[in-house]
Amino acid sequence: MPASLSPVRAARILGSIVFLAALMLTRSAHADDTSLSPARMQATAHRYYDDEMTVSYLFAGFGAVTAGGGAVALTQSGDFAHGFGFSSLIAGSLTVLGAVGYGVAVKIRGDYYGGLADTDLARYQREESEHIAGTTSRFWLYLGFEIAETLAGAGIATYGFAAKDDFAKGVGIGVATQGIGLFVIDVPGSIRAKRYQDDVRTFAPRSGARAGSAGFSLGGAGQPLGASFAAAF
């Protein structure tokens, strides 16, 4: 029995690590500022996409560890270990693939919007306002899916305990662990995206001003409206 429960203990430890790492990513891009200068807005844009790239690594790492834990569990005997192993290996592998795709997208978007911020803040503000608004509007879909995945796993595990079905217990715990981990990573991301959206939306460059040009003059005022869980992905 202790050997079969080792995946659960590992999942708890992993969840704690993910939670602490995710909390580090909730920092505001304008921690001590009530307004954003042009230089600060440029730095904020680059920092946001740098943080998103870090999140893609975090997703990939979480998926790799859970998939690896599932592979190890499959080498153990018992229905619980096999159920946990199959669900963790499949879900973890899908998470890794999703993280790779997300990382590529972040790189492309970061290069584009970061480049705009460095060369034409007026155009950057217009285009990034529209882009980041779409991002924040979709967060509720991502978080909702992760909550549903967690509840589904909990439901399967509950059935397993009621029916004394060790395989169902393992599957349920594996699925729930994946859902919880993804949710813990995504919640800080939704807060960070909302803060960034507030900065971009309230930053007001003068029309036609370009960074690095002669006579460049921008007025930057950004009053953060605060992050809201209701403004999820």
Protein backbone atom coordinates (compact mmCIF):
# COMPACT_ATOMS: atom_id res chain seq x y z
CA MET A 1 0.00 0.00 0.00
CA PRO A 2 2.69 2.61 0.78
CA ALA A 3 4.27 2.03 -2.66
CA SER A 4 0.93 2.50 -4.41
CA LEU A 5 0.33 5.76 -2.60
CA SER A 6 3.71 7.23 -3.51
CA PRO A 7 2.33 8.89 -6.68
CA VAL A 8 -0.19 10.76 -4.52
CA ARG A 9 2.51 12.03 -2.18
CA ALA A 10 4.61 13.04 -5.17
CA ALA A 11 1.65 14.90 -6.64
CA ARG A 12 1.17 16.83 -3.39
CA ILE A 13 4.81 17.88 -3.33
CA LEU A 14 4.65 18.86 -7.00
CA GLY A 15 1.49 20.85 -6.39
CA SER A 16 3.21 22.82 -3.63
CA ILE A 17 6.15 23.61 -5.89
CA VAL A 18 3.86 24.70 -8.72
CA PHE A 19 1.84 26.88 -6.35
CA LEU A 20 4.92 28.69 -5.03
CA ALA A 21 6.34 29.15 -8.53
CA ALA A 22 3.03 30.49 -9.81
CA LEU A 23 2.78 32.99 -6.96
CA MET A 24 6.13 34.43 -8.04
CA LEU A 25 4.56 35.30 -11.39
CA THR A 26 1.73 37.41 -9.92
CA ARG A 27 3.92 40.44 -9.40
CA SER A 28 2.62 43.61 -10.97
CA ALA A 29 4.54 45.07 -13.87
CA HIS A 30 4.17 48.45 -12.19
CA ALA A 31 4.71 47.48 -8.57
CA ASP A 32 5.60 50.90 -7.20
CA ASP A 33 4.43 53.20 -9.99
CA THR A 34 1.10 54.93 -10.36
CA SER A 35 1.94 55.99 -13.91
CA LEU A 36 3.98 54.59 -16.75
CA SER A 37 6.59 56.57 -18.64
CA PRO A 38 7.36 55.56 -22.23
CA ALA A 39 10.46 53.67 -21.07
CA ARG A 40 8.48 51.94 -18.35
CA MET A 41 5.76 50.94 -20.81
CA GLN A 42 8.38 49.42 -23.09
CA ALA A 43 9.90 47.52 -20.17
CA THR A 44 6.44 46.37 -19.09
CA ALA A 45 5.71 44.95 -22.54
CA HIS A 46 8.94 42.97 -22.61
CA ARG A 47 8.50 41.79 -19.03
CA TYR A 48 5.00 40.52 -19.70
CA TYR A 49 6.12 38.29 -22.57
CA ASP A 50 9.20 37.18 -20.66
CA ASP A 51 6.91 36.08 -17.84
CA GLU A 52 4.64 34.28 -20.28
CA MET A 53 7.62 32.39 -21.65
CA THR A 54 8.46 31.38 -18.09
CA VAL A 55 4.90 30.13 -17.72
CA SER A 56 5.29 27.96 -20.82
CA TYR A 57 8.37 26.38 -19.19
CA LEU A 58 6.39 25.89 -15.99
CA PHE A 59 3.59 24.15 -17.90
CA ALA A 60 6.10 21.98 -19.71
CA GLY A 61 7.87 21.09 -16.48
CA PHE A 62 4.62 20.24 -14.73
CA GLY A 63 3.50 18.08 -17.63
CA ALA A 64 6.87 16.34 -17.85
CA VAL A 65 6.93 15.55 -14.13
CA THR A 66 3.35 14.23 -14.07
CA ALA A 67 3.93 12.20 -17.23
CA GLY A 68 7.15 10.84 -15.74
CA GLY A 69 5.36 10.03 -12.51
CA GLY A 70 2.73 8.21 -14.50
CA ALA A 71 5.38 6.20 -16.34
CA VAL A 72 6.97 5.21 -13.03
CA ALA A 73 3.58 4.26 -11.60
CA LEU A 74 2.97 1.94 -14.54
CA THR A 75 6.01 -0.09 -13.50
CA GLN A 76 4.40 -0.83 -10.15
CA SER A 77 1.91 -3.55 -9.45
CA GLY A 78 -1.70 -2.94 -8.54
CA ASP A 79 -4.75 -1.43 -10.21
CA PHE A 80 -4.38 1.91 -8.41
CA ALA A 81 -0.86 2.44 -9.71
CA HIS A 82 -1.91 1.49 -13.23
CA GLY A 83 -4.93 3.79 -13.20
CA PHE A 84 -2.86 6.67 -11.86
CA GLY A 85 -0.08 5.89 -14.32
CA PHE A 86 -2.23 5.82 -17.45
CA SER A 87 -4.13 9.02 -16.64
CA SER A 88 -1.01 10.93 -15.56
CA LEU A 89 1.07 9.80 -18.53
CA ILE A 90 -1.60 10.79 -21.05
CA ALA A 91 -2.59 14.08 -19.42
CA GLY A 92 1.01 15.06 -18.68
CA SER A 93 2.11 14.36 -22.25
CA LEU A 94 -0.72 16.50 -23.62
CA THR A 95 0.29 19.29 -21.26
CA VAL A 96 3.86 19.17 -22.54
CA LEU A 97 2.69 19.38 -26.16
CA GLY A 98 0.41 22.29 -25.32
CA ALA A 99 3.22 24.07 -23.49
CA VAL A 100 5.53 23.76 -26.49
CA GLY A 101 2.88 25.24 -28.78
CA TYR A 102 2.20 28.02 -26.30
CA GLY A 103 5.90 28.81 -25.99
CA VAL A 104 6.22 29.18 -29.76
CA ALA A 105 3.18 31.50 -29.85
CA VAL A 106 4.55 33.61 -26.99
CA LYS A 107 7.90 33.97 -28.75
CA ILE A 108 6.25 35.18 -31.95
CA ARG A 109 3.88 37.58 -30.18
CA GLY A 110 6.55 38.84 -27.83
CA ASP A 111 8.90 39.66 -30.68
CA TYR A 112 6.14 41.45 -32.58
CA TYR A 113 4.56 43.51 -29.78
CA GLY A 114 7.88 44.09 -28.04
CA GLY A 115 9.26 45.39 -31.32
CA LEU A 116 6.30 47.73 -31.70
CA ALA A 117 6.78 49.03 -28.18
CA ASP A 118 10.40 49.82 -28.98
CA THR A 119 9.71 51.59 -32.27
CA ASP A 120 6.15 52.97 -32.30
CA LEU A 121 4.35 53.20 -28.97
CA ALA A 122 1.21 54.71 -30.48
CA ARG A 123 0.74 51.76 -32.82
CA TYR A 124 1.75 49.36 -30.06
CA GLN A 125 -0.94 50.77 -27.77
CA ARG A 126 -3.64 50.40 -30.43
CA GLU A 127 -2.75 46.86 -31.50
CA GLU A 128 -1.79 45.43 -28.13
CA SER A 129 -4.95 46.81 -26.52
CA GLU A 130 -7.04 44.74 -28.91
CA HIS A 131 -4.82 41.66 -28.61
CA ILE A 132 -4.58 41.53 -24.82
CA ALA A 133 -8.33 42.20 -24.47
CA GLY A 134 -8.94 39.03 -26.45
CA THR A 135 -6.51 37.13 -24.26
CA THR A 136 -8.10 38.15 -20.98
CA SER A 137 -11.59 37.45 -22.33
CA ARG A 138 -10.64 33.80 -22.94
CA PHE A 139 -9.21 33.06 -19.53
CA TRP A 140 -12.56 31.97 -18.14
CA LEU A 141 -12.63 29.20 -20.75
CA TYR A 142 -9.21 27.90 -19.69
CA LEU A 143 -9.93 28.11 -15.99
CA GLY A 144 -13.38 26.60 -16.47
CA PHE A 145 -11.92 23.63 -18.32
CA GLU A 146 -9.36 23.08 -15.57
CA ILE A 147 -12.03 23.23 -12.88
CA ALA A 148 -14.14 20.77 -14.87
CA GLU A 149 -11.14 18.46 -15.25
CA THR A 150 -10.50 18.59 -11.51
CA LEU A 151 -14.15 17.89 -10.67
CA ALA A 152 -14.29 15.05 -13.19
CA GLY A 153 -11.22 13.48 -11.63
CA ALA A 154 -12.68 13.91 -8.16
CA GLY A 155 -15.91 12.31 -9.33
CA ILE A 156 -14.10 9.30 -10.79
CA ALA A 157 -12.03 8.91 -7.64
CA THR A 158 -15.17 9.14 -5.47
CA TYR A 159 -16.78 6.41 -7.53
CA GLY A 160 -13.63 4.32 -7.14
CA PHE A 161 -13.67 4.63 -3.36
CA ALA A 162 -17.41 3.87 -3.20
CA ALA A 163 -17.11 0.85 -5.50
CA LYS A 164 -13.75 -0.26 -4.08
CA ASP A 165 -12.35 0.05 -7.59
CA ASP A 166 -8.63 0.79 -7.27
CA PHE A 167 -8.18 1.46 -10.99
CA ALA A 168 -10.89 4.16 -10.92
CA LYS A 169 -9.30 5.65 -7.81
CA GLY A 170 -5.98 5.97 -9.61
CA VAL A 171 -7.50 7.42 -12.77
CA GLY A 172 -9.50 9.96 -10.79
CA ILE A 173 -6.58 11.12 -8.69
CA GLY A 174 -4.35 11.41 -11.76
CA VAL A 175 -6.91 13.50 -13.66
CA ALA A 176 -7.69 15.70 -10.66
CA THR A 177 -4.00 16.30 -10.00
CA GLN A 178 -3.48 17.49 -13.57
CA GLY A 179 -6.48 19.80 -13.42
CA ILE A 180 -5.44 21.35 -10.10
CA GLY A 181 -1.88 21.92 -11.27
CA LEU A 182 -2.95 23.67 -14.46
CA PHE A 183 -5.46 25.80 -12.56
CA VAL A 184 -2.83 26.89 -10.02
CA ILE A 185 -0.52 27.98 -12.84
CA ASP A 186 -3.25 29.75 -14.83
CA VAL A 187 -4.84 31.81 -12.05
CA PRO A 188 -1.78 34.05 -11.55
CA GLY A 189 -1.53 34.27 -15.33
CA SER A 190 -5.05 35.65 -15.56
CA ILE A 191 -4.26 38.27 -12.91
CA ARG A 192 -1.03 39.25 -14.62
CA ALA A 193 -2.74 39.56 -18.02
CA LYS A 194 -5.46 41.79 -16.55
CA ARG A 195 -2.87 44.08 -14.98
CA TYR A 196 -0.97 44.27 -18.24
CA GLN A 197 -4.20 45.03 -20.08
CA ASP A 198 -4.89 47.89 -17.68
CA ASP A 199 -1.42 49.31 -18.27
CA VAL A 200 -1.72 49.10 -22.05
CA ARG A 201 -5.24 50.49 -22.14
CA THR A 202 -4.55 53.49 -19.89
CA PHE A 203 -1.18 54.38 -21.41
CA ALA A 204 -1.77 57.35 -23.73
CA PRO A 205 1.03 58.09 -26.22
CA ARG A 206 0.67 61.18 -28.33
CA SER A 207 -0.55 60.49 -31.83
CA GLY A 208 2.20 59.71 -34.29
CA ALA A 209 4.99 59.64 -31.70
CA ARG A 210 7.72 57.11 -32.31
CA ALA A 211 10.33 55.86 -29.91
CA GLY A 212 13.82 57.05 -30.74
CA SER A 213 12.72 59.78 -33.15
CA ALA A 214 13.61 63.45 -32.90
CA GLY A 215 11.16 65.40 -30.80
CA PHE A 216 9.79 62.20 -29.25
CA SER A 217 7.39 63.07 -26.47
CA LEU A 218 4.90 60.77 -24.83
CA GLY A 219 2.63 61.24 -21.89
CA GLY A 220 2.15 58.05 -19.95
CA ALA A 221 -0.46 57.67 -17.28
CA GLY A 222 -1.51 54.25 -16.13
CA GLN A 223 -3.86 53.77 -13.25
CA PRO A 224 -4.25 50.03 -12.64
CA LEU A 225 -7.86 49.08 -12.11
CA GLY A 226 -6.86 45.95 -10.22
CA ALA A 227 -6.89 42.31 -11.18
CA SER A 228 -10.16 40.44 -11.12
CA PHE A 229 -10.84 36.74 -11.21
CA ALA A 230 -13.99 37.59 -13.15
CA ALA A 231 -11.79 38.83 -16.00
CA ALA A 232 -10.40 35.36 -16.53
CA PHE A 233 -8.60 34.15 -19.67
